[in-house]
N, C-alpha and C. Protein backbone atom coordinates (compact mmCIF):
# COMPACT_ATOMS: atom_id res chain seq x y z
N MET A 1 77.90 115.32 97.17
CA MET A 1 78.64 114.34 97.52
C MET A 1 80.03 114.26 98.15
N LYS A 2 80.57 114.40 99.30
CA LYS A 2 81.79 113.85 99.50
C LYS A 2 82.14 112.01 100.33
N ASN A 3 82.76 111.50 99.36
CA ASN A 3 82.83 110.06 99.55
C ASN A 3 83.96 109.54 100.02
N LYS A 4 84.66 109.69 101.35
CA LYS A 4 86.04 109.56 101.54
C LYS A 4 86.40 108.18 101.43
N ASP A 5 85.64 107.38 101.47
CA ASP A 5 86.00 105.61 101.17
C ASP A 5 86.31 105.64 99.54
N LEU A 6 85.68 106.69 98.97
CA LEU A 6 86.24 106.39 97.12
C LEU A 6 87.38 106.72 97.43
N ASP A 7 87.73 108.24 98.17
CA ASP A 7 88.79 109.30 98.28
C ASP A 7 90.04 108.32 98.55
N CYS A 8 89.53 107.65 99.68
CA CYS A 8 90.67 106.66 100.61
C CYS A 8 90.91 105.22 99.10
N LEU A 9 90.29 104.65 98.43
CA LEU A 9 90.54 103.63 97.61
C LEU A 9 91.66 104.45 96.78
N ILE A 10 91.45 105.86 96.03
CA ILE A 10 91.81 105.97 94.72
C ILE A 10 92.99 106.58 95.34
N ASP A 11 92.96 107.45 96.50
CA ASP A 11 94.32 107.39 97.20
C ASP A 11 95.57 106.33 97.21
N ASP A 12 94.71 105.11 97.49
CA ASP A 12 95.62 104.47 97.72
C ASP A 12 96.17 103.43 96.86
N PHE A 13 95.30 103.08 95.49
CA PHE A 13 95.63 102.22 94.47
C PHE A 13 96.99 103.82 94.07
N LEU A 14 96.70 104.90 93.62
CA LEU A 14 97.40 105.84 93.00
C LEU A 14 98.77 105.72 93.65
N ILE A 15 98.96 105.79 95.35
CA ILE A 15 100.00 105.52 95.83
C ILE A 15 100.66 104.12 95.76
N GLN A 16 100.25 102.89 95.28
CA GLN A 16 101.00 102.10 94.81
C GLN A 16 101.18 101.62 93.79
N VAL A 17 100.55 102.68 92.78
CA VAL A 17 101.42 103.27 91.31
C VAL A 17 102.78 103.58 91.15
N ASP A 18 102.28 104.67 92.23
CA ASP A 18 103.58 105.52 92.58
C ASP A 18 104.67 104.35 92.83
N ARG A 19 104.53 103.53 94.20
CA ARG A 19 105.47 102.85 94.68
C ARG A 19 105.76 101.90 93.50
N ALA A 20 104.97 101.31 92.44
CA ALA A 20 105.44 100.17 91.52
C ALA A 20 106.12 101.21 90.46
N THR A 21 106.17 102.51 89.88
CA THR A 21 106.61 102.91 88.58
C THR A 21 108.02 103.25 89.38
N ASP A 22 108.06 103.73 90.98
CA ASP A 22 109.36 104.26 91.09
C ASP A 22 109.91 102.93 91.34
N LEU A 23 110.05 101.82 91.54
CA LEU A 23 110.65 100.98 91.17
C LEU A 23 111.53 100.50 90.05
N LEU A 24 109.89 100.89 89.33
CA LEU A 24 110.71 100.17 87.51
C LEU A 24 111.76 101.51 87.35
N GLU A 25 111.50 102.38 87.61
CA GLU A 25 112.50 103.30 87.17
C GLU A 25 113.83 103.30 87.56
N GLU A 26 113.80 102.69 88.95
CA GLU A 26 115.12 102.47 89.45
C GLU A 26 115.69 101.42 89.12
N LYS A 27 114.74 99.89 88.37
CA LYS A 27 115.47 98.71 87.36
C LYS A 27 116.06 99.15 86.43
N PHE A 28 114.60 100.11 85.45
CA PHE A 28 114.88 100.48 84.28
C PHE A 28 115.39 101.59 83.66
N GLY A 29 115.21 102.53 84.52
CA GLY A 29 115.67 104.11 84.28
C GLY A 29 114.47 105.05 84.03
N ARG A 30 113.50 104.38 84.04
CA ARG A 30 112.23 105.02 83.35
C ARG A 30 110.87 104.52 84.41
N LYS A 31 110.24 105.29 83.95
CA LYS A 31 109.04 105.16 84.97
C LYS A 31 108.05 104.59 84.02
N CYS A 32 107.64 104.82 82.65
CA CYS A 32 106.96 104.24 81.57
C CYS A 32 108.20 102.83 80.91
N ILE A 33 108.08 102.14 80.92
CA ILE A 33 108.75 101.09 80.56
C ILE A 33 108.08 100.49 79.18
N LEU A 34 106.96 100.89 78.87
CA LEU A 34 106.37 100.39 77.79
C LEU A 34 106.99 100.26 76.05
N ARG A 35 107.80 101.34 75.95
CA ARG A 35 108.75 101.62 74.83
C ARG A 35 109.93 100.44 74.49
N LEU A 36 110.37 100.32 76.06
CA LEU A 36 111.70 99.36 76.00
C LEU A 36 111.22 98.15 75.62
N TRP A 37 110.17 97.69 75.68
CA TRP A 37 109.17 96.46 75.63
C TRP A 37 109.20 96.54 74.24
N ARG A 38 108.10 97.46 73.29
CA ARG A 38 108.30 97.54 72.03
C ARG A 38 109.38 97.35 71.01
N ILE A 39 110.54 97.93 71.48
CA ILE A 39 111.86 97.92 70.87
C ILE A 39 112.82 96.45 71.47
N ASN A 40 111.73 96.00 71.96
CA ASN A 40 112.74 94.41 72.47
C ASN A 40 113.78 94.17 73.29
N GLU A 41 113.99 95.69 74.16
CA GLU A 41 115.11 95.74 74.78
C GLU A 41 115.16 95.15 76.49
N ILE A 42 113.73 95.11 76.72
CA ILE A 42 113.30 94.12 78.23
C ILE A 42 112.36 93.15 77.47
N SER A 43 111.56 92.41 78.47
CA SER A 43 110.64 91.23 77.74
C SER A 43 109.55 92.00 78.58
N GLN A 44 108.45 91.23 77.89
CA GLN A 44 106.68 91.78 78.26
C GLN A 44 106.58 91.36 79.77
N ARG A 45 107.23 90.47 80.18
CA ARG A 45 107.44 89.96 81.63
C ARG A 45 108.64 89.70 82.14
N GLY A 46 108.59 89.88 83.65
CA GLY A 46 109.83 89.74 84.14
C GLY A 46 109.75 90.48 85.77
N MET A 47 111.21 90.68 86.01
CA MET A 47 111.23 90.58 87.58
C MET A 47 111.76 92.29 87.91
N VAL A 48 111.66 92.85 88.88
CA VAL A 48 111.60 94.27 89.18
C VAL A 48 113.12 93.96 90.18
N THR A 49 112.46 93.24 91.16
CA THR A 49 113.17 92.56 92.62
C THR A 49 113.08 90.98 92.67
N ASP A 50 113.86 90.42 93.30
CA ASP A 50 113.75 88.97 93.51
C ASP A 50 112.16 88.38 94.07
N SER A 51 111.30 89.49 94.68
CA SER A 51 109.68 89.56 95.02
C SER A 51 109.17 90.32 94.12
N ILE A 52 109.12 90.89 93.24
CA ILE A 52 108.37 91.96 92.92
C ILE A 52 108.33 91.86 90.97
N GLY A 53 107.52 91.17 90.50
CA GLY A 53 107.04 91.05 88.98
C GLY A 53 106.28 91.96 88.66
N TYR A 54 106.49 92.21 87.08
CA TYR A 54 105.96 92.98 85.91
C TYR A 54 105.44 92.45 84.92
N GLU A 55 104.25 92.48 84.66
CA GLU A 55 103.51 92.42 83.19
C GLU A 55 103.65 93.55 82.57
N LEU A 56 103.62 93.53 81.13
CA LEU A 56 103.52 94.75 80.22
C LEU A 56 102.50 94.20 79.47
N HIS A 57 101.29 94.96 79.06
CA HIS A 57 99.72 94.62 78.26
C HIS A 57 99.47 96.05 77.88
N GLY A 58 99.37 95.93 76.43
CA GLY A 58 98.30 96.79 75.54
C GLY A 58 99.54 98.41 76.19
N VAL A 59 98.50 99.19 76.61
CA VAL A 59 99.17 100.60 76.99
C VAL A 59 99.39 100.59 78.59
N GLY A 60 99.74 99.46 79.09
CA GLY A 60 99.69 99.55 80.65
C GLY A 60 100.87 98.01 81.08
N CYS A 61 100.94 98.23 82.61
CA CYS A 61 101.44 97.10 83.39
C CYS A 61 100.56 96.58 84.69
N ARG A 62 101.55 95.76 85.50
CA ARG A 62 100.86 95.33 86.17
C ARG A 62 102.06 94.72 86.70
N VAL A 63 101.81 95.39 88.12
CA VAL A 63 103.07 94.95 89.05
C VAL A 63 102.89 94.03 90.29
N SER A 64 103.28 93.25 90.50
CA SER A 64 102.79 92.24 91.76
C SER A 64 104.08 91.96 92.52
N PHE A 65 103.28 92.81 93.81
CA PHE A 65 104.11 92.78 94.77
C PHE A 65 103.96 91.70 96.00
N PRO A 66 104.62 91.14 97.00
CA PRO A 66 104.48 89.96 97.43
C PRO A 66 102.98 89.70 97.70
N ASP A 67 102.42 90.96 98.82
CA ASP A 67 101.13 90.87 99.06
C ASP A 67 99.84 91.52 98.08
N MET A 68 100.09 91.85 96.87
CA MET A 68 99.45 92.13 96.61
C MET A 68 99.59 92.85 94.79
N CYS A 69 98.64 92.83 93.90
CA CYS A 69 98.96 93.20 92.23
C CYS A 69 98.08 94.97 92.23
N VAL A 70 99.11 95.67 91.74
CA VAL A 70 98.32 97.13 91.08
C VAL A 70 98.50 96.68 89.52
N ASP A 71 97.25 97.23 88.90
CA ASP A 71 97.33 97.06 87.59
C ASP A 71 96.73 98.70 86.62
N PHE A 72 98.06 99.43 86.04
CA PHE A 72 97.58 100.40 85.68
C PHE A 72 97.81 100.61 84.04
N ASP A 73 97.38 101.95 83.62
CA ASP A 73 97.55 102.23 82.51
C ASP A 73 98.52 103.59 82.30
N TYR A 74 99.12 103.35 81.75
CA TYR A 74 100.41 104.51 80.73
C TYR A 74 99.29 105.85 79.98
N GLY A 75 99.13 107.07 80.77
CA GLY A 75 98.41 107.76 80.13
C GLY A 75 99.63 109.30 79.09
N PRO A 76 98.97 110.19 78.38
CA PRO A 76 99.78 110.55 77.56
C PRO A 76 100.64 111.35 78.33
N ASP A 77 101.89 111.67 77.71
CA ASP A 77 103.27 112.30 78.27
C ASP A 77 103.16 111.26 79.28
N GLU A 78 103.38 109.95 79.30
CA GLU A 78 103.86 109.10 80.59
C GLU A 78 103.28 108.96 82.08
N ARG A 79 101.86 109.80 81.73
CA ARG A 79 101.08 109.87 83.10
C ARG A 79 100.89 108.84 83.65
N VAL A 80 100.91 108.71 84.75
CA VAL A 80 100.72 107.35 85.45
C VAL A 80 99.50 107.36 87.04
N ASP A 81 98.83 108.49 86.69
CA ASP A 81 97.66 108.99 87.62
C ASP A 81 96.67 108.80 87.00
N GLY A 82 96.14 108.08 86.38
CA GLY A 82 95.06 107.86 85.63
C GLY A 82 94.40 106.20 86.51
N PHE A 83 93.18 106.50 86.89
CA PHE A 83 92.32 105.17 86.89
C PHE A 83 90.88 105.39 86.78
N ASP A 84 90.23 103.82 86.26
CA ASP A 84 88.67 103.77 85.93
C ASP A 84 88.07 102.91 87.24
N ALA A 85 87.06 102.90 86.80
CA ALA A 85 86.28 102.16 87.86
C ALA A 85 86.64 100.43 88.54
N TRP A 86 86.92 100.09 86.94
CA TRP A 86 87.65 98.53 86.80
C TRP A 86 88.88 98.38 87.72
N ARG A 87 89.39 98.86 87.04
CA ARG A 87 91.10 99.31 87.94
C ARG A 87 90.95 99.48 89.24
N LEU A 88 89.90 100.20 90.11
CA LEU A 88 89.82 100.61 90.96
C LEU A 88 89.37 99.19 91.58
N TYR A 89 88.37 98.79 91.37
CA TYR A 89 87.77 97.18 91.60
C TYR A 89 88.38 96.59 91.64
N VAL A 90 89.38 96.02 90.58
CA VAL A 90 90.27 94.92 90.38
C VAL A 90 91.48 95.08 91.67
N TYR A 91 91.91 96.01 92.19
CA TYR A 91 93.00 96.92 93.22
C TYR A 91 91.93 96.88 94.53
N ALA A 92 90.95 96.71 94.97
CA ALA A 92 90.15 96.28 96.01
C ALA A 92 89.89 95.07 96.50
N CYS A 93 89.75 94.37 95.43
CA CYS A 93 89.90 93.03 95.62
C CYS A 93 91.22 92.66 96.14
N GLU A 94 92.13 92.92 95.78
CA GLU A 94 93.18 92.59 96.39
C GLU A 94 93.85 92.95 97.35
N VAL A 95 93.01 94.13 98.10
CA VAL A 95 93.32 94.16 99.59
C VAL A 95 92.24 94.78 100.61
N PRO A 96 91.13 93.57 99.98
CA PRO A 96 90.07 93.68 100.64
C PRO A 96 89.70 93.95 102.19
N SER A 97 90.86 93.97 102.78
CA SER A 97 90.31 94.54 103.95
C SER A 97 90.48 96.03 104.11
N LEU A 98 91.16 96.72 103.51
CA LEU A 98 91.23 97.90 103.56
C LEU A 98 90.20 98.72 102.38
N HIS A 99 89.35 98.01 102.07
CA HIS A 99 88.44 98.91 100.88
C HIS A 99 87.18 98.05 101.02
N PRO A 100 86.61 97.18 101.91
CA PRO A 100 85.69 95.99 101.58
C PRO A 100 84.31 96.53 101.33
N LYS A 101 84.12 97.88 101.39
CA LYS A 101 82.87 98.39 100.46
C LYS A 101 82.80 98.47 99.53
N TYR A 102 84.15 98.03 98.71
CA TYR A 102 84.36 98.15 97.57
C TYR A 102 84.60 96.83 96.75
N ILE A 103 84.43 95.72 96.87
CA ILE A 103 84.42 94.42 96.96
C ILE A 103 83.13 94.02 95.98
N ASP A 104 82.37 94.98 96.46
CA ASP A 104 81.04 94.94 95.32
C ASP A 104 80.97 95.80 94.22
N GLN A 105 81.67 94.90 92.94
CA GLN A 105 81.43 95.84 92.06
C GLN A 105 80.70 96.82 91.71
N SER A 106 79.02 97.12 91.75
CA SER A 106 77.83 97.24 91.56
C SER A 106 78.49 98.80 92.49
N VAL A 107 78.52 98.71 93.93
CA VAL A 107 78.83 99.33 95.14
C VAL A 107 79.78 100.68 94.46
N LEU A 108 80.84 100.26 93.96
CA LEU A 108 82.07 101.04 93.39
C LEU A 108 81.70 101.79 92.17
N GLU A 109 81.08 100.83 91.03
CA GLU A 109 80.65 101.99 89.81
C GLU A 109 79.30 102.95 90.47
N ARG A 110 78.55 102.51 90.99
CA ARG A 110 77.65 103.69 91.59
C ARG A 110 78.44 104.91 92.00
N ASP A 111 79.32 104.46 93.28
CA ASP A 111 79.82 105.67 93.44
C ASP A 111 80.65 106.91 92.60
N PHE A 112 81.48 105.63 91.87
CA PHE A 112 82.41 106.45 90.90
C PHE A 112 81.35 107.38 89.90
N LYS A 113 80.31 106.46 89.50
CA LYS A 113 79.21 107.28 88.68
C LYS A 113 79.41 108.59 88.91
N GLU A 114 78.81 109.08 90.22
CA GLU A 114 78.62 109.89 91.25
C GLU A 114 79.54 110.84 90.98
N TYR A 115 80.79 110.13 91.47
CA TYR A 115 82.34 111.38 91.12
C TYR A 115 82.58 111.98 89.60
N ILE A 116 81.68 110.82 88.74
CA ILE A 116 81.92 111.88 87.24
C ILE A 116 80.77 112.79 87.14
N GLU A 117 79.74 112.30 87.81
CA GLU A 117 78.53 113.70 87.24
C GLU A 117 79.26 114.82 88.53
N LEU A 118 79.75 114.65 89.42
CA LEU A 118 80.19 115.77 90.14
C LEU A 118 81.13 116.35 89.63
N GLY A 119 81.84 116.09 88.51
CA GLY A 119 83.14 116.70 88.11
C GLY A 119 84.42 116.38 89.20
N LYS A 120 84.27 115.43 89.68
CA LYS A 120 85.78 115.15 90.35
C LYS A 120 86.29 114.72 89.61
N VAL A 121 86.40 113.82 88.52
CA VAL A 121 87.31 113.46 87.75
C VAL A 121 87.24 114.12 86.36
N GLU A 122 88.16 114.00 85.63
CA GLU A 122 87.73 114.43 83.85
C GLU A 122 88.79 113.29 83.25
N ARG A 123 88.41 113.30 81.95
CA ARG A 123 89.24 112.21 81.07
C ARG A 123 90.24 113.26 80.50
N VAL A 124 91.36 112.58 80.08
CA VAL A 124 92.33 113.35 79.70
C VAL A 124 92.45 113.51 77.90
N SER A 125 92.87 114.75 77.56
CA SER A 125 93.11 114.56 76.00
C SER A 125 94.10 113.40 75.62
N GLY A 126 93.98 112.44 74.72
CA GLY A 126 94.91 111.66 74.73
C GLY A 126 94.42 110.15 75.42
N SER A 127 93.76 110.00 76.45
CA SER A 127 93.96 109.15 76.98
C SER A 127 93.17 108.30 76.18
N MET A 128 93.42 106.73 76.34
CA MET A 128 92.40 105.42 75.52
C MET A 128 91.40 105.43 76.59
N SER A 129 91.68 105.33 78.37
CA SER A 129 90.41 104.56 78.69
C SER A 129 90.03 105.43 80.17
N SER A 130 91.73 105.81 80.72
CA SER A 130 91.50 106.05 81.87
C SER A 130 90.88 107.51 82.19
N LEU A 131 90.40 107.78 83.33
CA LEU A 131 89.97 108.81 84.16
C LEU A 131 91.02 109.33 85.19
N TYR A 132 91.16 110.82 85.18
CA TYR A 132 92.26 111.28 85.95
C TYR A 132 91.11 112.22 87.16
N PHE A 133 91.93 112.30 88.56
CA PHE A 133 91.53 113.67 89.31
C PHE A 133 91.98 114.89 88.13
N LYS A 134 90.86 115.82 88.56
CA LYS A 134 90.99 117.25 88.07
C LYS A 134 92.39 117.48 89.24
N ASN A 135 92.93 118.49 88.13
CA ASN A 135 94.32 119.19 89.33
C ASN A 135 94.68 118.37 89.99
N LYS A 136 94.98 117.65 89.49
CA LYS A 136 95.84 116.41 90.79
C LYS A 136 97.02 116.32 90.13
N MET A 137 98.39 116.40 90.42
CA MET A 137 99.61 116.12 89.58
C MET A 137 100.46 115.19 90.18
N ARG A 138 100.63 114.01 89.87
CA ARG A 138 100.75 112.57 90.21
C ARG A 138 101.99 112.10 89.07
N TRP A 139 103.05 112.40 88.95
CA TRP A 139 103.69 111.67 88.16
C TRP A 139 105.15 112.13 87.68
């Protein structure tokens, strides 16, 4: 199976995560800001710029841009290249004109399950829940 639609969604999601974490790094000096929140150096939610907000949760972060939001988990060694079917679905719903096929959660889950079965993604040791591209370094 070569599913260009799912490849496109995953790439788009990861580009937005990179965009968000680059902004966090500019503002706070690091891409992974969980520790700063846990030691009370920053608030759980706040603004990165005048129009871009963030909200930390569990092992992840939601960054709200004016036109959409992206929610991601930090992985082992502060990786940000992780994704799962739920996060991809939520992102697709944020930008439905870009990924209309995947605003149907059952379609996304079916295609994602195929990806897993074909070995296109793998769970990274030490990860809480996210799956990561094999041999794909994005952090």
